[in-house]
Protein backbone atom coordinates (compact mmCIF):
# COMPACT_ATOMS: atom_id res chain seq x y z
CA MET A 1 122.27 103.27 46.96
CA SER A 2 121.94 107.06 47.15
CA LEU A 3 121.33 108.92 50.39
CA ARG A 4 117.60 109.18 49.60
CA GLU A 5 117.32 105.42 49.02
CA ARG A 6 119.36 104.65 52.14
CA ALA A 7 117.31 106.98 54.29
CA ARG A 8 113.99 105.52 53.18
CA ALA A 9 115.24 101.93 53.58
CA TRP A 10 116.57 102.71 57.07
CA ARG A 11 113.30 104.35 58.08
CA ALA A 12 111.30 101.35 56.82
CA GLU A 13 113.61 99.10 58.83
CA ARG A 14 113.14 101.19 61.97
CA ARG A 15 109.38 101.04 61.49
CA ARG A 16 109.52 97.24 61.22
CA ARG A 17 111.44 97.11 64.49
CA ILE A 18 108.88 99.40 66.14
CA LEU A 19 106.10 97.14 64.87
CA LEU A 20 107.83 93.97 66.10
CA GLU A 21 108.47 95.50 69.51
CA ALA A 22 104.88 96.69 69.86
CA LEU A 23 103.38 93.38 68.76
CA GLY A 24 105.82 91.40 70.88
CA ALA A 25 105.13 93.34 74.06
CA ALA A 26 101.36 93.68 73.53
CA GLY A 27 100.93 90.13 72.26
CA GLY A 28 102.94 88.55 75.06
CA GLY A 29 101.18 90.58 77.71
CA GLY A 30 97.76 89.92 76.19
CA VAL A 31 98.29 86.16 75.95
CA ALA A 32 99.63 86.09 79.51
CA ALA A 33 96.61 88.00 80.83
CA ALA A 34 94.13 85.85 78.89
CA GLY A 35 95.89 82.68 80.01
CA THR A 36 95.69 83.76 83.64
CA LEU A 37 91.96 84.46 83.31
CA ALA A 38 91.38 81.12 81.55
CA LEU A 39 93.09 79.23 84.37
CA LEU A 40 91.09 81.15 86.97
CA ASP A 41 87.88 80.32 85.13
CA ARG A 42 88.94 76.68 84.81
CA PHE A 43 89.08 76.25 88.59
CA ALA A 44 86.76 78.99 89.90
CA VAL A 45 84.20 79.42 87.07
CA LEU A 46 84.21 83.22 86.91
CA PRO A 47 80.80 84.92 86.73
CA ARG A 48 79.87 86.42 83.40
CA GLY A 49 80.07 89.97 84.72
CA ALA A 50 83.62 89.40 85.94
CA ARG A 51 84.61 87.90 82.59
CA GLU A 52 83.10 90.79 80.67
CA ALA A 53 84.89 93.34 82.88
CA ALA A 54 88.16 91.43 82.49
CA LEU A 55 87.79 91.36 78.71
CA VAL A 56 87.17 95.12 78.60
CA ALA A 57 90.25 95.70 80.77
CA LEU A 58 92.31 93.37 78.56
CA VAL A 59 91.28 95.14 75.36
CA ALA A 60 91.93 98.55 76.94
CA GLY A 61 95.37 97.42 78.10
CA LEU A 62 96.25 96.12 74.64
CA ALA A 63 95.06 99.37 73.04
CA TRP A 64 97.13 101.47 75.44
CA SER A 65 100.19 99.31 74.86
CA LEU A 66 99.85 99.68 71.09
CA VAL A 67 99.41 103.45 71.38
CA ARG A 68 102.48 103.76 73.62
CA ARG A 69 104.73 101.31 71.77
CA LEU A 70 103.52 101.63 68.18
CA VAL A 71 101.53 104.74 67.36
CA ARG A 72 103.64 107.27 69.25
CA PRO A 73 107.08 105.96 68.19
CA TRP A 74 105.84 105.53 64.61
CA ARG A 75 104.65 109.13 64.41
CA ALA A 76 107.71 110.48 66.21
CA LEU A 77 110.18 108.72 63.91
CA ASP A 78 111.80 111.24 61.56
CA PHE A 79 114.90 111.16 59.40
CA ASP A 80 116.98 112.95 62.05
CA ALA A 81 116.46 109.94 64.35
CA VAL A 82 117.37 107.60 61.47
CA PHE A 83 120.59 109.49 60.72
CA ALA A 84 121.46 109.64 64.43
CA GLU A 85 121.26 105.82 64.60
CA ALA A 86 123.38 105.56 61.43
CA ALA A 87 125.97 107.89 62.99
CA ARG A 88 126.24 105.61 66.03
CA ARG A 89 127.20 102.77 63.73
CA TRP A 90 129.24 104.79 61.20
CA PRO A 91 130.53 107.93 62.93
CA GLN A 92 131.75 109.46 59.66
CA THR A 93 128.14 109.91 58.53
CA GLY A 94 127.16 112.09 61.49
CA PRO A 95 128.10 115.58 60.27
CA LEU A 96 127.17 114.88 56.65
CA PHE A 97 123.91 112.98 56.22
CA ALA A 98 121.63 115.20 58.32
CA SER A 99 122.85 118.41 56.71
CA ALA A 100 122.70 116.91 53.20
CA TRP A 101 119.15 115.73 53.84
CA ALA A 102 118.16 119.25 54.87
CA LEU A 103 119.56 120.57 51.57
CA ARG A 104 118.06 117.93 49.29
CA ASP A 105 115.14 120.12 48.07
CA GLY A 106 117.08 123.33 47.59
CA PRO A 107 119.15 125.92 49.47
CA THR A 108 118.00 126.68 52.96
CA GLY A 109 118.92 130.36 52.66
CA PRO A 110 120.11 133.02 50.27
CA GLY A 111 123.72 132.63 51.44
CA THR A 112 123.99 129.00 50.34
CA SER A 113 125.65 128.42 46.98
CA GLU A 114 123.86 126.03 44.63
CA GLU A 115 127.21 124.60 43.54
CA LEU A 116 128.22 123.91 47.10
CA ARG A 117 124.80 122.38 47.81
CA LEU A 118 125.09 119.98 44.91
CA GLU A 119 128.65 119.06 45.89
CA HIS A 120 127.51 118.42 49.46
CA LEU A 121 124.71 116.15 48.21
CA ALA A 122 127.13 114.32 45.91
CA ARG A 123 129.54 113.67 48.79
CA ALA A 124 126.66 112.35 50.89
CA ASP A 125 125.52 110.07 48.06
CA ARG A 126 129.08 108.73 47.58
CA LEU A 127 129.41 108.03 51.30
CA ALA A 128 126.00 106.34 51.38
CA GLU A 129 127.03 104.19 48.41
CA SER A 130 130.24 103.13 50.14
CA LEU A 131 128.50 101.87 53.27
CA PRO A 132 127.98 98.12 53.62
CA ARG A 133 124.65 96.86 52.42
CA GLY A 134 122.40 95.35 55.02
CA PRO A 135 120.16 96.36 57.89
CA LEU A 136 120.98 99.32 60.06
CA GLY A 137 120.48 97.19 63.14
CA ALA A 138 118.74 94.07 64.39
CA TRP A 139 115.65 94.09 66.54
CA THR A 140 116.41 93.24 70.15
CA PRO A 141 113.28 92.65 72.23
CA SER A 142 112.95 94.94 75.21
CA ALA A 143 112.85 93.61 78.75
CA ALA A 144 109.06 94.07 78.78
CA ALA A 145 108.66 92.07 75.58
CA ARG A 146 110.89 89.28 76.91
CA ARG A 147 109.01 89.13 80.21
CA GLY A 148 105.67 89.04 78.40
CA ALA A 149 106.81 86.28 76.07
CA THR A 150 108.20 84.21 78.94
CA LEU A 151 105.06 84.61 81.02
CA ALA A 152 102.83 83.85 78.03
CA ALA A 153 104.77 80.67 77.26
CA ALA A 154 104.55 79.55 80.89
CA LEU A 155 100.79 80.17 81.06
CA LEU A 156 100.18 78.45 77.72
CA ALA A 157 102.08 75.42 79.03
CA ALA A 158 100.02 75.50 82.24
CA GLY A 159 96.85 75.79 80.19
CA ALA A 160 97.85 72.78 78.10
CA LEU A 161 98.28 70.75 81.29
CA TRP A 162 95.36 71.94 83.42
CA GLY A 163 93.18 74.17 81.26
CA ASP A 164 90.59 73.48 78.59
CA ARG A 165 89.30 75.15 75.45
CA ALA A 166 85.95 76.01 77.01
CA SER A 167 87.60 78.32 79.56
CA TRP A 168 89.40 80.22 76.80
CA THR A 169 86.07 80.64 75.01
CA ARG A 170 84.37 81.86 78.19
CA VAL A 171 87.14 84.43 78.77
CA LEU A 172 87.54 85.72 75.20
CA ALA A 173 83.82 85.50 74.36
CA PRO A 174 82.02 85.87 77.71
CA TRP A 175 78.64 86.04 75.98
CA ARG A 176 79.15 82.40 74.91
CA ASP A 177 78.78 80.50 78.18
CA ALA A 178 79.93 76.92 78.37
CA SER A 179 77.31 74.26 78.83
CA LEU A 180 76.58 73.20 82.38
CA GLU A 181 76.55 69.58 81.21
CA ARG A 182 80.35 69.57 81.26
CA TRP A 183 80.17 69.68 85.09
CA VAL A 184 76.71 68.40 86.05
CA ARG A 185 74.86 65.23 85.07
CA VAL A 186 71.08 65.62 84.90
CA SER A 187 68.69 62.70 84.60
CA PRO A 188 66.32 61.59 83.18
CA GLY A 189 66.62 64.47 80.70
CA ASP A 190 63.72 64.40 78.25
CA ALA A 191 61.30 61.63 79.13
CA ARG A 192 57.71 60.45 78.59
CA LEU A 193 55.94 59.02 81.63
CA ASP A 194 52.61 57.37 82.26
CA LEU A 195 50.00 59.89 83.29
CA GLY A 196 49.84 60.00 87.10
CA ALA A 197 53.07 57.99 87.50
CA PRO A 198 55.82 59.13 89.91
CA ALA A 199 58.44 61.50 88.42
CA GLU A 200 61.99 62.03 89.62
CA ILE A 201 64.82 64.38 88.61
CA ASP A 202 68.41 63.84 89.74
CA ALA A 203 71.36 66.23 89.36
CA ALA A 204 74.91 65.43 90.45
CA PRO A 205 78.37 66.84 89.74
CA VAL A 206 80.40 64.73 87.32
CA PRO A 207 83.74 63.26 88.51
CA GLY A 208 86.30 66.04 88.84
CA ALA A 209 83.72 68.83 89.10
CA ALA A 210 84.28 69.13 92.85
CA ALA A 211 87.76 70.48 92.14
CA ARG A 212 86.07 73.43 90.42
CA GLY A 213 83.75 74.07 93.34
CA VAL A 214 80.64 72.35 92.00
CA ARG A 215 78.53 71.03 94.89
CA ALA A 216 75.15 69.30 94.72
CA GLY A 217 73.81 71.63 97.40
CA GLU A 218 74.56 74.66 95.21
CA LEU A 219 72.60 73.35 92.22
CA VAL A 220 69.26 75.04 91.56
CA LEU A 221 66.30 73.38 89.87
CA GLU A 222 64.07 75.65 87.81
CA ALA A 223 60.71 74.98 86.17
CA ARG A 224 59.18 76.99 83.35
CA GLY A 225 55.74 78.35 83.99
CA ALA A 226 52.90 78.98 81.58
CA ASP A 227 54.20 82.55 81.07
CA GLY A 228 57.60 81.24 79.95
CA ALA A 229 59.44 82.49 83.04
CA TRP A 230 61.79 80.19 84.94
CA ARG A 231 61.10 79.79 88.65
CA VAL A 232 62.93 77.90 91.36
CA LEU A 233 61.58 74.45 92.16
CA PRO A 234 62.90 73.30 95.55
CA TRP A 235 64.72 69.99 95.71
CA THR A 236 63.02 67.21 97.63
CA ALA A 237 66.35 66.04 99.06
CA VAL A 238 70.08 66.63 98.70
CA ASP A 239 72.08 63.64 99.88
CA GLY A 240 75.31 61.87 98.97
CA GLY A 241 76.35 64.39 96.35
CA VAL A 242 73.01 64.12 94.50
CA ALA A 243 70.19 66.64 94.42
CA ARG A 244 66.81 64.99 93.88
CA TRP A 245 63.28 66.20 93.15
CA ARG A 246 60.32 63.85 93.28
CA GLU A 247 56.63 64.11 92.48
CA ASP A 248 54.37 61.21 93.43
CA ALA A 249 51.98 61.71 90.53
CA LEU A 250 52.86 63.85 87.52
CA GLY A 251 49.73 65.12 85.83
CA GLU A 252 51.04 68.01 83.69
CA PRO A 253 54.08 68.42 81.40
CA LEU A 254 57.11 69.82 83.21
CA ASP A 255 59.84 71.87 81.52
CA TYR A 256 62.86 72.03 83.78
CA ARG A 257 66.54 72.90 83.86
CA VAL A 258 69.39 72.94 86.37
CA ARG A 259 71.42 76.05 87.15
CA TRP A 260 74.73 76.54 88.94
CA ARG A 261 75.93 80.09 89.58
CA ASP A 262 75.62 81.87 86.23
CA LEU A 263 75.57 78.66 84.17
CA ALA A 264 72.25 77.19 83.09
CA GLY A 265 71.84 73.75 81.60
CA ARG A 266 69.65 73.13 78.59
CA ALA A 267 65.92 72.75 79.11
CA HIS A 268 64.40 69.26 79.44
CA ARG A 269 60.79 68.11 79.43
CA LEU A 270 58.92 65.47 81.37
CA GLU A 271 55.69 64.68 79.57
CA PRO A 272 52.96 62.50 81.08
CA VAL A 273 51.28 60.31 78.50
CA PRO A 274 47.69 59.13 79.00
CA PRO A 275 47.03 55.38 78.62
CA PRO A 276 45.89 54.28 75.17
CA ARG A 277 42.18 54.48 74.46
CA TRP A 278 40.37 52.10 72.11
CA GLU A 279 37.88 53.33 69.58
CA THR A 280 36.14 49.93 69.53
CA ALA A 281 36.67 46.58 71.12
CA SER A 282 34.93 43.37 70.13
CA ALA A 283 34.86 39.72 71.18
CA LEU A 284 34.69 36.85 68.70
CA VAL A 285 33.01 33.64 69.92
CA ARG A 286 33.74 30.49 67.91
CA GLY A 287 31.76 27.36 68.64
CA PRO A 288 30.09 24.33 67.06
CA ARG A 289 27.13 26.47 65.99
CA GLY A 290 29.30 29.03 64.20
CA THR A 291 30.99 32.31 64.93
CA ARG A 292 29.38 35.26 66.68
CA ARG A 293 30.79 38.81 67.17
CA PHE A 294 29.90 41.03 70.11
CA VAL A 295 30.87 44.77 70.25
CA LEU A 296 31.89 45.43 73.83
CA GLY A 297 29.90 48.14 75.49
CA GLU A 298 27.27 48.27 72.77
CA ASP A 299 25.86 44.77 72.32
CA ALA A 300 24.31 42.53 74.88
CA PRO A 301 26.61 40.70 77.27
CA VAL A 302 28.86 38.18 75.63
CA ARG A 303 27.31 34.72 75.74
CA ALA A 304 29.32 31.56 75.27
CA ARG A 305 28.78 27.87 75.91
CA ARG A 306 31.18 25.38 77.33
CA GLY A 307 33.67 24.48 74.64
CA ASP A 308 33.37 27.80 72.75
CA TRP A 309 36.53 29.71 71.92
CA ILE A 310 36.57 33.46 72.67
CA GLU A 311 38.93 35.80 70.88
């Protein structure tokens, strides 16, 4: 390989190491930060505003890390730095490669002989050809990259043990809130009731929700008005870990939902159903003298003799 080929291969190798270092440090730190937020959300249920602010800070931190560890070193890397690294490994290249590279496109001044320039380039090419083939050096992660990778691995392990996928979604996509049903049981859900019958709504934390701070007394019942707005509907009672609302006679449809902090459950509907109404009703009287039909409410009162059968 000539000096030109060596130099370009060494620079490409240095750029790969810069890329690996930048991705290793930024990736490890980003995963560690996201894992910490996911665990916090798993046990504390972070408000949406806090999750959005944390995501902005996380993205800004990743961008700054990439600028500092990737963009700046990438742009600052020149062939002098490449030859300096080669000289640390092969000291005999130090006084030759940099000067030969400066002369590769022609004499640098009127006092430089073309014959000497070509001879200098030829010596540099022969020395480059004699060097062992292989990478100029191996990538060794920096202390920051190692710390980030270690912390990320520890938090991923903790997330596998105590976390859940929903918390990762809430942290990385805060506009996609998890369903409240994962922590709160609401009954009866959607239901049809007899018109004027009693109606009851119960809401209670599911087993294990108390460890995340879910309490029945903190649940809020909301009803949707005719204008479509949700308004608080006070609970009738909160007792024994269950929040309960009761209406003695439900006469109108009720759209309701349960809210806890910034999480809202899906909307349910209680619909009172009127009793069935008959278009017509008739009575059939069978007796020894034949069969007679009476339309109830229209004909005369139903008349039957002893021994007649009424249907």
